[in-house]
N, C-alpha and C. Protein backbone atom coordinates (compact mmCIF):
# COMPACT_ATOMS: atom_id res chain seq x y z
N MET A 1 -27.24 58.54 14.00
CA MET A 1 -26.86 57.45 14.39
C MET A 1 -25.66 58.59 15.42
N LYS A 2 -25.32 57.43 16.44
CA LYS A 2 -24.89 57.64 18.05
C LYS A 2 -23.73 57.82 17.94
N PRO A 3 -22.82 59.00 18.26
CA PRO A 3 -21.21 59.18 18.92
C PRO A 3 -20.49 57.86 18.32
N LEU A 4 -20.81 57.09 19.37
CA LEU A 4 -20.30 55.65 19.92
C LEU A 4 -20.54 54.73 18.60
N GLU A 5 -21.13 54.95 17.97
CA GLU A 5 -21.87 54.08 16.67
C GLU A 5 -20.55 54.48 16.07
N LEU A 6 -20.80 55.43 15.54
CA LEU A 6 -20.00 56.68 14.34
C LEU A 6 -18.21 56.43 14.42
N ALA A 7 -17.85 56.45 16.08
CA ALA A 7 -16.39 56.00 16.10
C ALA A 7 -15.97 54.50 16.29
N GLU A 8 -17.13 53.77 16.08
CA GLU A 8 -16.54 52.26 15.89
C GLU A 8 -16.66 52.02 14.55
N LEU A 9 -17.34 52.65 13.84
CA LEU A 9 -17.48 52.51 12.21
C LEU A 9 -15.67 53.06 11.81
N LEU A 10 -15.08 54.56 12.26
CA LEU A 10 -14.46 55.08 11.97
C LEU A 10 -13.34 53.77 12.41
N THR A 11 -13.04 53.55 13.02
CA THR A 11 -11.99 52.63 13.58
C THR A 11 -11.82 51.70 12.19
N ALA A 12 -12.54 51.35 11.90
CA ALA A 12 -12.39 50.29 10.44
C ALA A 12 -12.91 51.24 9.61
N PRO A 13 -12.18 52.01 8.52
CA PRO A 13 -12.69 52.62 7.44
C PRO A 13 -12.16 51.50 6.34
N THR A 14 -11.85 50.95 6.48
CA THR A 14 -12.00 49.78 5.02
C THR A 14 -13.24 49.16 5.06
N GLN A 15 -13.96 49.03 6.28
CA GLN A 15 -15.54 48.26 6.25
C GLN A 15 -16.56 48.90 5.27
N HIS A 16 -17.33 48.56 5.10
CA HIS A 16 -18.40 48.68 4.03
C HIS A 16 -18.91 50.75 3.68
N PRO A 17 -19.68 50.80 4.84
CA PRO A 17 -19.88 52.25 5.38
C PRO A 17 -18.90 52.91 5.09
N VAL A 18 -18.11 52.80 5.89
CA VAL A 18 -16.96 54.03 5.56
C VAL A 18 -16.27 54.61 4.65
N ARG A 19 -15.73 52.90 3.94
CA ARG A 19 -15.35 53.20 2.52
C ARG A 19 -16.21 53.84 1.68
N GLU A 20 -17.37 53.94 1.28
CA GLU A 20 -18.17 54.00 0.28
C GLU A 20 -18.41 55.81 0.63
N ALA A 21 -18.74 55.70 1.73
CA ALA A 21 -18.39 57.10 2.50
C ALA A 21 -17.33 58.17 1.89
N LEU A 22 -16.21 57.42 2.17
CA LEU A 22 -14.96 57.88 1.93
C LEU A 22 -14.85 58.27 0.51
N ARG A 23 -15.40 57.08 -0.38
CA ARG A 23 -15.15 57.30 -2.01
C ARG A 23 -16.28 58.68 -2.47
N GLU A 24 -16.80 59.02 -1.57
CA GLU A 24 -17.41 60.15 -2.02
C GLU A 24 -17.19 61.74 -1.71
N LEU A 25 -16.23 61.51 -0.63
CA LEU A 25 -15.41 63.48 -0.85
C LEU A 25 -14.38 63.48 -1.46
N ALA A 26 -14.36 64.78 -1.45
CA ALA A 26 -13.32 65.41 -2.50
C ALA A 26 -12.12 65.45 -1.77
N PRO A 27 -11.10 65.52 -2.92
CA PRO A 27 -9.82 65.49 -2.75
C PRO A 27 -9.56 66.54 -1.38
N ARG A 28 -10.00 67.55 -1.26
CA ARG A 28 -9.89 69.01 -0.28
C ARG A 28 -10.71 68.40 1.05
N GLU A 29 -11.65 67.51 0.92
CA GLU A 29 -12.60 66.98 1.98
C GLU A 29 -11.38 65.76 2.84
N LEU A 30 -10.82 65.20 1.71
CA LEU A 30 -9.79 63.84 2.25
C LEU A 30 -8.41 64.41 2.94
N ASP A 31 -8.01 65.49 2.23
CA ASP A 31 -6.90 65.57 2.97
C ASP A 31 -6.95 66.43 4.28
N ALA A 32 -8.54 67.41 4.39
CA ALA A 32 -8.90 67.82 5.97
C ALA A 32 -8.73 66.54 6.99
N LEU A 33 -9.35 65.44 6.32
CA LEU A 33 -9.82 64.32 6.98
C LEU A 33 -8.22 63.49 7.50
N VAL A 34 -7.78 63.57 6.40
CA VAL A 34 -6.15 63.05 6.96
C VAL A 34 -5.27 63.29 8.10
N ILE A 35 -5.65 65.28 7.88
CA ILE A 35 -4.77 66.08 8.84
C ILE A 35 -5.79 65.78 10.21
N GLU A 36 -6.96 65.65 10.35
CA GLU A 36 -7.32 65.66 11.59
C GLU A 36 -6.91 64.13 12.44
N ALA A 37 -7.13 63.12 11.36
CA ALA A 37 -6.99 61.90 12.06
C ALA A 37 -5.56 61.82 12.74
N LEU A 38 -4.90 62.43 11.83
CA LEU A 38 -3.30 62.15 11.64
C LEU A 38 -2.99 63.36 13.89
N ALA A 39 -3.64 64.33 13.61
CA ALA A 39 -3.37 65.10 15.02
C ALA A 39 -4.15 64.04 15.85
N ALA A 40 -5.51 63.58 15.87
CA ALA A 40 -5.81 62.28 16.96
C ALA A 40 -5.29 61.43 17.01
N THR A 41 -4.63 60.68 15.92
CA THR A 41 -3.42 59.32 16.54
C THR A 41 -2.13 60.07 17.20
N GLU A 42 -1.32 61.20 16.86
CA GLU A 42 -0.81 61.54 17.58
C GLU A 42 -1.27 61.61 19.26
N GLU A 43 -2.50 62.46 19.47
CA GLU A 43 -2.63 62.88 20.84
C GLU A 43 -3.35 61.53 21.11
N ALA A 44 -3.81 60.66 20.43
CA ALA A 44 -4.18 59.07 21.22
C ALA A 44 -2.56 57.99 21.75
N TRP A 45 -1.53 58.60 21.15
CA TRP A 45 -0.10 57.75 21.31
C TRP A 45 -0.06 58.81 22.58
N ARG A 46 0.22 59.92 22.21
CA ARG A 46 0.63 60.81 23.54
C ARG A 46 0.06 60.41 25.12
N GLN A 47 -1.34 60.12 24.84
CA GLN A 47 -2.12 59.57 26.06
C GLN A 47 -1.06 58.26 26.47
N VAL A 48 -0.95 57.21 25.70
CA VAL A 48 -0.23 56.32 26.12
C VAL A 48 0.75 56.19 26.50
N VAL A 49 1.63 57.22 26.30
CA VAL A 49 3.08 57.58 26.42
C VAL A 49 2.83 58.01 28.18
N VAL A 50 1.77 59.23 28.05
CA VAL A 50 1.90 59.23 29.65
C VAL A 50 1.12 58.52 30.71
N SER A 51 0.22 57.72 30.17
CA SER A 51 -0.70 56.83 31.39
C SER A 51 0.40 55.78 31.82
N ARG A 52 1.33 55.24 30.48
CA ARG A 52 2.70 54.44 30.69
C ARG A 52 3.15 54.64 31.94
N VAL A 53 4.07 55.92 31.67
CA VAL A 53 5.00 56.67 32.42
C VAL A 53 4.35 57.04 34.07
N LYS A 54 2.95 57.52 33.66
CA LYS A 54 2.29 57.35 35.44
C LYS A 54 2.27 56.39 36.07
N ALA A 55 2.15 55.65 35.35
CA ALA A 55 1.98 54.07 35.91
C ALA A 55 3.38 53.46 36.43
N PHE A 56 3.99 53.98 36.14
CA PHE A 56 5.83 53.20 35.98
C PHE A 56 5.98 54.26 37.33
N THR A 57 5.56 55.63 37.50
CA THR A 57 6.44 56.30 38.28
C THR A 57 5.25 56.08 39.61
N ASP A 58 4.06 55.95 39.42
CA ASP A 58 2.90 55.37 40.66
C ASP A 58 3.72 54.38 41.19
N GLY A 59 4.55 53.31 40.92
CA GLY A 59 4.91 52.33 41.36
C GLY A 59 6.06 52.47 41.80
N GLN A 60 6.97 53.47 41.88
CA GLN A 60 8.01 53.73 42.23
C GLN A 60 8.67 54.56 43.53
N PRO A 61 9.06 53.31 44.84
CA PRO A 61 9.08 53.88 46.20
C PRO A 61 9.58 55.15 45.96
N GLY A 62 9.36 56.10 47.18
CA GLY A 62 9.91 57.07 47.06
C GLY A 62 9.95 58.24 48.23
N ASP A 63 10.45 59.09 48.56
CA ASP A 63 10.63 60.02 49.88
C ASP A 63 9.25 61.11 49.82
N GLY A 64 8.71 60.33 49.00
CA GLY A 64 6.95 61.54 49.64
C GLY A 64 6.83 62.43 48.50
N ARG A 65 8.41 62.80 47.53
CA ARG A 65 8.17 63.85 46.64
C ARG A 65 7.94 63.05 45.38
N PRO A 66 6.66 63.16 44.00
CA PRO A 66 6.32 62.51 43.16
C PRO A 66 7.42 62.59 42.02
N ALA A 67 7.55 61.78 41.16
CA ALA A 67 8.08 62.65 40.23
C ALA A 67 7.63 63.70 39.31
N VAL A 68 8.00 64.68 38.89
CA VAL A 68 7.28 66.39 37.90
C VAL A 68 7.61 65.92 37.17
N ALA A 69 8.70 65.51 36.18
CA ALA A 69 9.13 65.02 34.74
C ALA A 69 9.59 63.60 34.92
N VAL A 70 9.10 63.34 33.52
CA VAL A 70 10.22 61.86 33.10
C VAL A 70 10.92 62.07 31.80
N TYR A 71 12.14 61.25 31.72
CA TYR A 71 12.86 62.33 29.99
C TYR A 71 13.28 60.88 29.53
N PHE A 72 13.70 60.78 28.17
CA PHE A 72 13.91 59.80 27.60
C PHE A 72 14.57 60.10 26.60
N THR A 73 15.95 59.20 26.34
CA THR A 73 16.73 59.63 25.14
C THR A 73 16.41 59.05 23.66
N THR A 74 17.53 59.26 22.78
CA THR A 74 17.14 58.16 21.91
C THR A 74 18.11 56.93 21.49
N THR A 75 17.98 56.33 20.80
CA THR A 75 18.86 55.14 20.86
C THR A 75 18.64 55.10 19.35
N GLU A 76 19.98 54.46 18.70
CA GLU A 76 19.56 53.96 17.21
C GLU A 76 19.13 52.65 17.57
N ARG A 77 18.65 51.79 16.03
CA ARG A 77 18.27 50.59 15.72
C ARG A 77 18.84 50.28 14.75
N ARG A 78 19.04 49.38 14.81
CA ARG A 78 19.66 48.61 13.32
C ARG A 78 18.58 47.80 12.38
N ALA A 79 17.97 48.15 11.29
CA ALA A 79 17.39 47.24 11.06
C ALA A 79 17.74 46.92 9.18
N ALA A 80 16.75 46.02 8.51
CA ALA A 80 17.27 45.66 7.10
C ALA A 80 17.67 46.70 6.27
N ASP A 81 16.77 47.82 6.44
CA ASP A 81 17.62 49.15 5.28
C ASP A 81 17.94 50.21 6.40
N GLY A 82 18.61 50.00 7.35
CA GLY A 82 19.43 51.11 7.63
C GLY A 82 19.58 50.63 9.05
N MET A 83 19.85 52.09 9.93
CA MET A 83 19.82 52.37 10.83
C MET A 83 18.54 53.72 11.35
N HIS A 84 17.74 53.32 12.38
CA HIS A 84 16.87 54.28 12.67
C HIS A 84 16.66 54.76 13.71
N LEU A 85 16.88 55.68 14.11
CA LEU A 85 16.99 56.86 15.56
C LEU A 85 15.24 56.84 15.87
N GLY A 86 15.24 56.37 16.93
CA GLY A 86 14.18 56.71 17.79
C GLY A 86 14.21 56.86 19.14
N TRP A 87 13.01 56.69 20.28
CA TRP A 87 13.22 57.14 21.32
C TRP A 87 13.29 55.57 22.38
N SER A 88 14.40 55.68 23.17
CA SER A 88 14.83 54.65 23.98
C SER A 88 13.34 54.34 24.64
N PRO A 89 12.82 52.93 25.12
CA PRO A 89 11.88 52.66 26.00
C PRO A 89 12.49 52.81 27.45
N PHE A 90 13.67 53.28 27.76
CA PHE A 90 13.77 52.83 29.25
C PHE A 90 13.99 54.47 29.64
N ILE A 91 13.58 54.80 30.46
CA ILE A 91 13.46 56.03 31.66
C ILE A 91 15.20 56.31 31.42
N ALA A 92 15.21 57.66 31.03
CA ALA A 92 16.67 57.89 31.51
C ALA A 92 16.68 58.82 32.78
N ALA A 93 15.84 59.47 32.94
CA ALA A 93 15.53 60.48 34.12
C ALA A 93 14.42 60.30 34.44
N LEU A 94 14.25 60.61 35.97
CA LEU A 94 12.73 61.08 36.75
C LEU A 94 13.11 62.36 37.47
N ALA A 95 12.48 63.08 37.62
CA ALA A 95 12.76 64.82 38.23
C ALA A 95 11.84 65.21 39.10
N ASN A 96 11.98 65.43 39.95
CA ASN A 96 10.83 65.88 41.14
C ASN A 96 10.63 67.49 40.84
N THR A 97 11.51 67.90 40.44
CA THR A 97 11.61 69.76 40.00
C THR A 97 11.51 69.75 38.59
N GLU A 98 10.82 71.08 38.32
CA GLU A 98 10.90 71.49 37.29
C GLU A 98 12.06 71.76 36.50
N ALA A 99 13.06 71.47 37.16
CA ALA A 99 14.45 71.59 36.65
C ALA A 99 14.34 70.65 35.44
N VAL A 100 15.23 70.71 34.41
CA VAL A 100 15.62 69.93 33.34
C VAL A 100 17.31 69.55 33.87
N PRO A 101 16.94 67.75 34.47
CA PRO A 101 18.41 67.32 35.17
C PRO A 101 19.40 67.52 34.10
N ASP A 102 20.68 67.02 34.00
CA ASP A 102 21.81 67.07 33.33
C ASP A 102 21.41 65.62 32.58
N LEU A 103 21.14 65.48 31.41
CA LEU A 103 21.00 64.58 30.61
C LEU A 103 22.40 63.82 29.46
N ARG A 104 23.73 64.76 29.08
CA ARG A 104 24.72 64.39 28.89
C ARG A 104 25.30 62.83 29.13
N PRO A 105 25.72 62.27 28.13
CA PRO A 105 26.00 61.31 28.47
C PRO A 105 27.71 61.63 29.40
N THR A 106 27.55 60.38 30.20
CA THR A 106 28.13 60.10 31.56
C THR A 106 29.82 59.14 31.28
N ARG A 107 31.16 59.49 31.97
CA ARG A 107 31.72 58.21 31.89
C ARG A 107 31.43 56.97 32.47
N THR A 108 30.22 55.93 31.46
CA THR A 108 30.20 54.82 32.14
C THR A 108 30.85 53.85 31.69
N THR A 109 30.82 52.48 31.67
CA THR A 109 31.30 51.49 31.26
C THR A 109 30.39 50.64 30.51
N VAL A 110 30.50 50.74 28.84
CA VAL A 110 29.44 50.51 28.29
C VAL A 110 29.94 48.79 28.04
N THR A 111 29.26 48.21 27.82
CA THR A 111 29.23 47.02 26.84
C THR A 111 28.90 46.83 25.39
N ALA A 112 29.03 46.47 24.74
CA ALA A 112 28.31 46.52 23.50
C ALA A 112 27.63 45.28 23.52
N ALA A 113 25.95 45.49 22.90
CA ALA A 113 25.44 44.15 23.10
C ALA A 113 24.93 43.57 21.35
N PRO A 114 25.44 42.14 21.41
CA PRO A 114 25.49 41.54 19.58
C PRO A 114 24.19 41.97 19.24
N VAL A 115 24.20 42.50 17.94
CA VAL A 115 23.47 42.49 17.03
C VAL A 115 22.04 41.38 17.47
N GLY A 116 20.90 42.09 17.73
CA GLY A 116 19.69 41.41 17.69
C GLY A 116 19.53 41.24 19.03
N GLU A 117 19.98 41.31 20.35
CA GLU A 117 20.09 40.91 21.29
C GLU A 117 18.99 42.64 22.15
N ALA A 118 19.21 43.65 21.47
CA ALA A 118 18.62 44.66 21.99
C ALA A 118 17.02 44.68 22.55
N ALA A 119 16.41 43.86 20.69
CA ALA A 119 14.99 43.76 20.84
C ALA A 119 14.86 42.85 21.74
N PRO A 120 15.18 41.81 22.27
CA PRO A 120 15.07 40.56 23.23
C PRO A 120 15.09 40.99 24.86
N ALA A 121 15.91 42.35 24.58
CA ALA A 121 15.89 43.10 26.13
C ALA A 121 14.83 43.83 26.32
N GLU A 122 14.48 44.46 25.39
CA GLU A 122 13.62 45.66 25.27
C GLU A 122 12.29 44.77 25.96
N GLU A 123 11.91 43.53 25.01
CA GLU A 123 11.01 42.95 25.29
C GLU A 123 10.38 42.11 26.58
N ILE A 124 12.02 41.90 27.64
CA ILE A 124 11.77 41.33 28.97
C ILE A 124 11.86 42.53 29.68
N PHE A 125 12.92 43.75 29.74
CA PHE A 125 12.71 44.59 30.70
C PHE A 125 11.37 45.61 30.04
N ALA A 126 11.57 46.31 29.16
CA ALA A 126 10.53 47.52 28.93
C ALA A 126 9.06 47.11 29.03
N ASP A 127 8.23 48.50 28.82
CA ASP A 127 7.15 48.04 29.06
C ASP A 127 6.35 48.49 27.51
N PRO A 128 6.01 47.05 26.71
CA PRO A 128 5.17 47.21 25.44
C PRO A 128 4.60 48.25 24.86
N GLU A 129 3.69 48.60 26.02
CA GLU A 129 2.76 49.60 25.27
C GLU A 129 3.24 50.82 25.56
N LEU A 130 4.50 51.13 26.06
CA LEU A 130 5.51 52.53 26.00
C LEU A 130 6.30 52.51 24.90
N ALA A 131 6.76 51.17 24.78
CA ALA A 131 7.92 51.29 23.58
C ALA A 131 6.83 51.32 22.53
N ALA A 132 5.64 50.46 22.35
CA ALA A 132 5.21 50.59 21.11
C ALA A 132 4.76 52.13 21.03
N ALA A 133 4.37 53.03 21.62
CA ALA A 133 4.04 54.57 21.92
C ALA A 133 4.83 55.31 21.40
N LEU A 134 6.12 54.96 22.16
CA LEU A 134 7.26 55.65 21.43
C LEU A 134 7.54 55.15 20.34
N ASN A 135 7.99 54.28 19.91
CA ASN A 135 8.21 54.25 18.56
C ASN A 135 7.29 54.43 17.12
N ARG A 136 5.73 55.07 17.88
CA ARG A 136 4.97 54.95 17.24
C ARG A 136 5.47 57.32 16.66
N ARG A 137 5.54 57.38 18.15
CA ARG A 137 6.07 58.80 18.23
C ARG A 137 7.27 59.36 17.72
N ALA A 138 8.05 58.37 17.34
CA ALA A 138 9.24 58.38 16.92
C ALA A 138 8.77 58.66 15.19
N ALA A 139 8.26 57.63 14.59
CA ALA A 139 8.12 57.60 13.07
C ALA A 139 7.21 58.21 12.51
N LEU A 140 5.80 59.14 13.44
CA LEU A 140 5.28 60.31 13.19
C LEU A 140 6.51 61.78 13.16
N ASP A 141 6.98 61.50 14.13
CA ASP A 141 7.80 62.82 14.48
C ASP A 141 9.50 62.34 14.85
N PRO A 142 10.24 61.75 13.98
CA PRO A 142 11.60 61.74 13.85
C PRO A 142 12.89 62.74 14.98
N PRO A 143 12.98 61.92 15.98
CA PRO A 143 13.88 62.84 16.85
C PRO A 143 15.32 63.20 16.32
N GLY A 144 16.26 64.10 16.26
CA GLY A 144 17.32 64.46 16.22
C GLY A 144 18.32 63.36 17.48
N HIS A 145 19.82 63.12 17.09
CA HIS A 145 20.64 63.00 18.23
C HIS A 145 20.65 63.71 19.35
N GLU A 146 20.62 64.80 19.49
CA GLU A 146 20.57 65.53 20.36
C GLU A 146 19.46 65.57 21.42
N ASP A 147 18.14 65.12 20.72
CA ASP A 147 17.10 65.69 21.42
C ASP A 147 16.25 64.66 22.72
N VAL A 148 15.64 64.94 23.34
CA VAL A 148 15.63 64.40 25.11
C VAL A 148 13.44 64.46 25.06
N LEU A 149 13.23 63.29 24.91
CA LEU A 149 11.46 63.60 25.15
C LEU A 149 11.24 63.75 26.76
N ARG A 150 10.55 64.98 26.98
CA ARG A 150 10.09 65.47 28.02
C ARG A 150 8.77 65.07 28.30
N VAL A 151 8.11 63.81 29.52
CA VAL A 151 6.78 64.06 29.94
C VAL A 151 6.70 64.60 31.20
N HIS A 152 6.07 65.79 31.26
CA HIS A 152 5.45 66.86 32.63
C HIS A 152 4.15 65.74 32.64
N LEU A 153 4.03 65.23 33.75
CA LEU A 153 3.00 64.51 34.90
C LEU A 153 1.82 65.23 34.88
N PRO A 154 2.38 66.54 35.72
CA PRO A 154 1.04 67.70 35.89
C PRO A 154 0.17 68.15 34.98
N THR A 155 0.68 68.49 34.11
CA THR A 155 0.09 68.67 32.61
C THR A 155 -0.28 67.86 31.82
N ARG A 156 0.33 66.63 31.93
CA ARG A 156 0.40 65.70 30.58
C ARG A 156 1.10 66.14 29.12
N GLU A 157 2.06 66.69 29.42
CA GLU A 157 2.28 67.27 28.08
C GLU A 157 3.38 66.61 27.61
N VAL A 158 3.75 66.36 26.46
CA VAL A 158 4.73 65.79 26.13
C VAL A 158 5.50 66.38 24.82
N THR A 159 6.62 66.34 25.45
CA THR A 159 7.63 67.50 24.57
C THR A 159 8.95 67.48 24.10
N ARG A 160 9.43 67.76 22.70
CA ARG A 160 10.43 67.29 22.69
C ARG A 160 11.95 68.32 22.78
N ILE A 161 13.02 68.39 23.71
CA ILE A 161 13.72 69.11 24.09
C ILE A 161 14.92 68.77 23.10
N SER A 162 15.54 69.81 22.82
CA SER A 162 17.05 70.36 22.16
C SER A 162 17.85 69.85 22.98
N ARG A 163 18.97 69.63 22.93
CA ARG A 163 20.08 69.79 24.17
C ARG A 163 21.05 70.17 23.54
């Protein structure tokens, strides 16, 4: 079997040939497969975050100094089962140096958005692929209230920083 054929089969693990193969694996092998699949999933979502951020920064007018790092802060979302902390799909800061900018909340006027209006705003103004990748990342590795997500463009690294 060619690698592309195998990859195509693995993207549909509930289909007959893959489902039957998974049933034959021992529990230890299944656990190893889950660990590898989770790592591959996290890497794929990281690549989506980096590619969407890169596309955004490439489209920004500037003084010739490209962004080195992009930062995202957390946001709380209200759901039927309570409040959930995730990554905001809106960029908090663009930095053209290695130094981490001051991302502490500033004294600005805040207007409360009525419940239900945050999601439509994201749909209109945020990059849907980036928002999906950030949501998946938050589900796989939940952030803390003081955390910041740093996307370092030259190395394509995505790291969580605690303030």
